[in-house]
Amino acid sequence: MAVESPSASPAKMNFTIRRAQLFDANAIADVGARTFSATFGHSVTAEELRAFITSTYTPAIIAAELADPDRDVIVAVDNTDPGTSKPDKILGFAYLTRNSEEPCLTHIKATSAEMQRIYVDPSAQGTGVASALVREITAMARSQGFKQLWLGVWEENYKAIKKYEHWGYRKVGFHDFKVGSVVQRDHVMVKEDLSK
């Protein structure tokens, strides 16, 4: 999972959070590919990175995910130029995924959902977009009756781990994440109290 990284003096952005629509698939795929590349590109070969992106971040794949009844996808939309006829500029996105499984979480499977892919475009990192996405996903999970949220985050993504801990998540286990032939390890983190 990618998360915004602080900059020396992050500028606040004018954005809103809304549910993703099918017409957002191209922009979500683009933001996903660029954010994944910026976060993980140094850890795999260029060929493996390209193969992963073309198997994960295409408009067709994102459209299928948007149609999945077990997923709610939200986007942060740039409001700086509302008078144009261009489609909304997507600054970031996040998924609330129901019915996902993790072996170390079987005891809370019925009461938990996964917060997945908190991705913020590299140009918008450090502006509050990730925090807003996380707040909205948490509120959605709470309103749907979930008691806990969980996520997977690469063990070497120290900034993201620190942010998740700040937001009330704690490490409870690990799982593997494959990018081509590279097997990376993710921390599995859980937030037990969705009221915060």
Protein backbone atom coordinates (compact mmCIF):
# COMPACT_ATOMS: atom_id res chain seq x y z
CA MET A 1 0.00 0.00 0.00
CA ALA A 2 1.25 3.46 -0.75
CA VAL A 3 0.62 6.38 1.51
CA GLU A 4 1.39 10.04 1.24
CA SER A 5 4.86 11.03 2.26
CA PRO A 6 5.47 14.28 4.12
CA SER A 7 7.32 17.03 2.33
CA ALA A 8 9.09 20.04 3.79
CA SER A 9 6.03 22.26 3.42
CA PRO A 10 3.10 20.38 1.90
CA ALA A 11 0.58 22.56 0.16
CA LYS A 12 -3.04 21.94 1.00
CA MET A 13 -5.11 20.84 -1.96
CA ASN A 14 -8.72 21.50 -2.77
CA PHE A 15 -10.25 18.05 -3.22
CA THR A 16 -13.35 16.03 -2.47
CA ILE A 17 -13.85 12.36 -1.79
CA ARG A 18 -16.52 10.48 -3.74
CA ARG A 19 -17.36 6.97 -4.84
CA ALA A 20 -15.50 5.88 -7.93
CA GLN A 21 -17.49 5.50 -11.15
CA LEU A 22 -16.81 3.33 -14.17
CA PHE A 23 -15.54 6.35 -16.11
CA ASP A 24 -12.76 6.69 -13.48
CA ALA A 25 -11.16 3.36 -14.44
CA ASN A 26 -8.52 4.89 -16.76
CA ALA A 27 -7.46 7.51 -14.21
CA ILE A 28 -7.38 5.01 -11.33
CA ALA A 29 -5.25 2.64 -13.41
CA ASP A 30 -2.87 5.50 -14.24
CA VAL A 31 -2.55 6.69 -10.62
CA GLY A 32 -2.16 3.09 -9.44
CA ALA A 33 0.62 2.34 -11.92
CA ARG A 34 2.53 5.54 -11.19
CA THR A 35 2.19 5.23 -7.42
CA PHE A 36 3.13 1.55 -7.38
CA SER A 37 6.17 2.30 -9.56
CA ALA A 38 7.29 5.18 -7.34
CA THR A 39 6.89 3.13 -4.16
CA PHE A 40 8.12 -0.31 -5.22
CA GLY A 41 10.01 0.20 -8.50
CA HIS A 42 13.43 0.18 -6.85
CA SER A 43 12.80 -3.25 -5.30
CA VAL A 44 12.20 -5.25 -8.50
CA THR A 45 13.58 -5.38 -12.04
CA ALA A 46 12.08 -3.12 -14.68
CA GLU A 47 10.67 -6.15 -16.51
CA GLU A 48 8.98 -7.50 -13.38
CA LEU A 49 7.57 -4.09 -12.57
CA ARG A 50 6.17 -3.71 -16.11
CA ALA A 51 4.62 -7.19 -16.00
CA PHE A 52 3.02 -6.55 -12.61
CA ILE A 53 1.56 -3.22 -13.70
CA THR A 54 0.14 -4.64 -16.95
CA SER A 55 -1.46 -7.48 -14.98
CA THR A 56 -2.86 -5.26 -12.23
CA TYR A 57 -3.36 -1.64 -13.30
CA THR A 58 -5.19 -1.68 -16.61
CA PRO A 59 -8.51 0.10 -17.17
CA ALA A 60 -10.23 -3.25 -17.83
CA ILE A 61 -9.00 -4.74 -14.55
CA ILE A 62 -9.94 -1.63 -12.60
CA ALA A 63 -13.39 -1.61 -14.24
CA ALA A 64 -13.91 -5.21 -13.12
CA GLU A 65 -12.88 -4.26 -9.59
CA LEU A 66 -15.30 -1.32 -9.63
CA ALA A 67 -18.09 -3.76 -10.57
CA ASP A 68 -17.16 -6.24 -7.79
CA PRO A 69 -20.01 -6.32 -5.22
CA ASP A 70 -17.47 -7.01 -2.44
CA ARG A 71 -15.59 -3.77 -3.08
CA ASP A 72 -16.33 -0.12 -2.53
CA VAL A 73 -13.84 2.18 -4.23
CA ILE A 74 -13.48 5.85 -3.41
CA VAL A 75 -11.44 8.55 -5.12
CA ALA A 76 -10.04 11.92 -4.12
CA VAL A 77 -10.86 14.39 -6.88
CA ASP A 78 -8.99 17.64 -7.52
CA ASN A 79 -11.34 20.63 -7.27
CA THR A 80 -8.90 23.31 -8.36
CA ASP A 81 -10.44 23.71 -11.82
CA PRO A 82 -14.15 22.83 -11.51
CA GLY A 83 -15.23 24.79 -14.60
CA THR A 84 -13.58 22.54 -17.17
CA SER A 85 -15.32 19.85 -19.17
CA LYS A 86 -12.43 17.42 -18.57
CA PRO A 87 -13.08 14.35 -16.41
CA ASP A 88 -12.21 14.77 -12.77
CA LYS A 89 -8.51 14.57 -12.00
CA ILE A 90 -8.00 11.67 -9.58
CA LEU A 91 -5.45 12.46 -6.85
CA GLY A 92 -5.80 9.17 -5.03
CA PHE A 93 -8.03 6.20 -4.34
CA ALA A 94 -8.74 3.50 -1.77
CA TYR A 95 -10.74 0.27 -1.56
CA LEU A 96 -12.95 -1.16 1.17
CA THR A 97 -12.93 -4.90 0.48
CA ARG A 98 -15.34 -7.31 2.12
CA ASN A 99 -14.89 -11.09 2.42
CA SER A 100 -11.11 -11.02 2.02
CA GLU A 101 -9.19 -13.54 4.08
CA GLU A 102 -5.98 -13.57 6.03
CA PRO A 103 -4.89 -16.63 8.08
CA CYS A 104 -3.85 -14.59 11.13
CA LEU A 105 -7.28 -12.93 11.21
CA THR A 106 -9.65 -15.90 11.10
CA HIS A 107 -10.90 -15.03 14.59
CA ILE A 108 -12.29 -11.68 13.31
CA LYS A 109 -13.20 -12.64 9.74
CA ALA A 110 -16.93 -12.10 10.25
CA THR A 111 -16.50 -8.64 11.78
CA SER A 112 -13.67 -7.18 9.71
CA ALA A 113 -13.09 -5.72 6.25
CA GLU A 114 -9.88 -4.89 4.41
CA MET A 115 -8.70 -1.36 3.73
CA GLN A 116 -6.86 -1.90 0.47
CA ARG A 117 -4.79 0.19 -1.93
CA ILE A 118 -4.56 3.57 -0.28
CA TYR A 119 -2.78 5.14 -3.22
CA VAL A 120 -2.02 8.82 -3.66
CA ASP A 121 -0.56 10.23 -6.86
CA PRO A 122 3.09 11.16 -6.27
CA SER A 123 2.27 14.80 -7.16
CA ALA A 124 -0.36 14.96 -4.38
CA GLN A 125 1.53 13.22 -1.58
CA GLY A 126 1.89 15.18 1.63
CA THR A 127 -1.31 17.19 1.05
CA GLY A 128 -3.79 15.35 3.28
CA VAL A 129 -5.30 13.17 0.56
CA ALA A 130 -4.28 9.85 2.19
CA SER A 131 -5.64 10.93 5.58
CA ALA A 132 -8.96 11.89 4.01
CA LEU A 133 -9.20 8.57 2.15
CA VAL A 134 -8.44 6.62 5.33
CA ARG A 135 -11.07 8.58 7.32
CA GLU A 136 -13.68 7.90 4.64
CA ILE A 137 -12.92 4.17 4.37
CA THR A 138 -13.07 3.91 8.18
CA ALA A 139 -16.44 5.68 8.25
CA MET A 140 -17.76 3.42 5.47
CA ALA A 141 -16.64 0.28 7.30
CA ARG A 142 -18.24 1.49 10.53
CA SER A 143 -21.50 2.34 8.75
CA GLN A 144 -21.55 -1.15 7.20
CA GLY A 145 -21.32 -2.72 10.66
CA PHE A 146 -17.67 -3.78 10.67
CA LYS A 147 -15.81 -3.73 13.98
CA GLN A 148 -12.24 -3.91 12.62
CA LEU A 149 -10.27 -2.95 9.54
CA TRP A 150 -7.12 -4.67 8.38
CA LEU A 151 -4.50 -4.04 5.72
CA GLY A 152 -1.25 -5.34 4.32
CA VAL A 153 1.75 -3.02 4.01
CA TRP A 154 5.23 -3.79 2.69
CA GLU A 155 7.60 -4.23 5.63
CA GLU A 156 10.07 -1.79 4.02
CA ASN A 157 7.49 0.97 3.54
CA TYR A 158 8.44 2.62 6.83
CA LYS A 159 6.60 5.88 6.23
CA ALA A 160 3.35 4.06 5.55
CA ILE A 161 3.77 1.82 8.60
CA LYS A 162 4.34 4.87 10.80
CA LYS A 163 1.20 6.53 9.39
CA TYR A 164 -0.91 3.41 9.90
CA GLU A 165 0.30 3.17 13.50
CA HIS A 166 -0.64 6.83 13.96
CA TRP A 167 -4.11 5.99 12.63
CA GLY A 168 -4.51 3.20 15.22
CA TYR A 169 -3.31 0.10 13.34
CA ARG A 170 -1.07 -2.50 14.97
CA LYS A 171 0.99 -5.32 13.47
CA VAL A 172 -0.53 -8.77 13.97
CA GLY A 173 1.16 -10.95 11.34
CA PHE A 174 2.73 -11.23 7.90
CA HIS A 175 1.90 -12.41 4.42
CA ASP A 176 3.86 -12.71 1.18
CA PHE A 177 3.35 -10.35 -1.74
CA LYS A 178 4.73 -11.43 -5.13
CA VAL A 179 5.94 -9.11 -7.86
CA GLY A 180 7.24 -11.38 -10.59
CA SER A 181 9.90 -13.62 -9.08
CA VAL A 182 10.39 -11.31 -6.10
CA VAL A 183 8.58 -12.32 -2.92
CA GLN A 184 8.21 -9.42 -0.52
CA ARG A 185 6.82 -9.59 2.98
CA ASP A 186 3.91 -7.44 4.12
CA HIS A 187 2.94 -6.67 7.68
CA VAL A 188 -0.72 -7.44 8.35
CA MET A 189 -2.06 -4.61 10.51
CA VAL A 190 -5.42 -4.28 12.26
CA LYS A 191 -7.39 -1.34 13.60
CA GLU A 192 -9.60 -2.64 16.41
CA ASP A 193 -11.58 0.52 17.18
CA LEU A 194 -13.27 2.17 14.20
CA SER A 195 -14.64 5.03 16.31
CA LYS A 196 -11.23 6.74 16.26
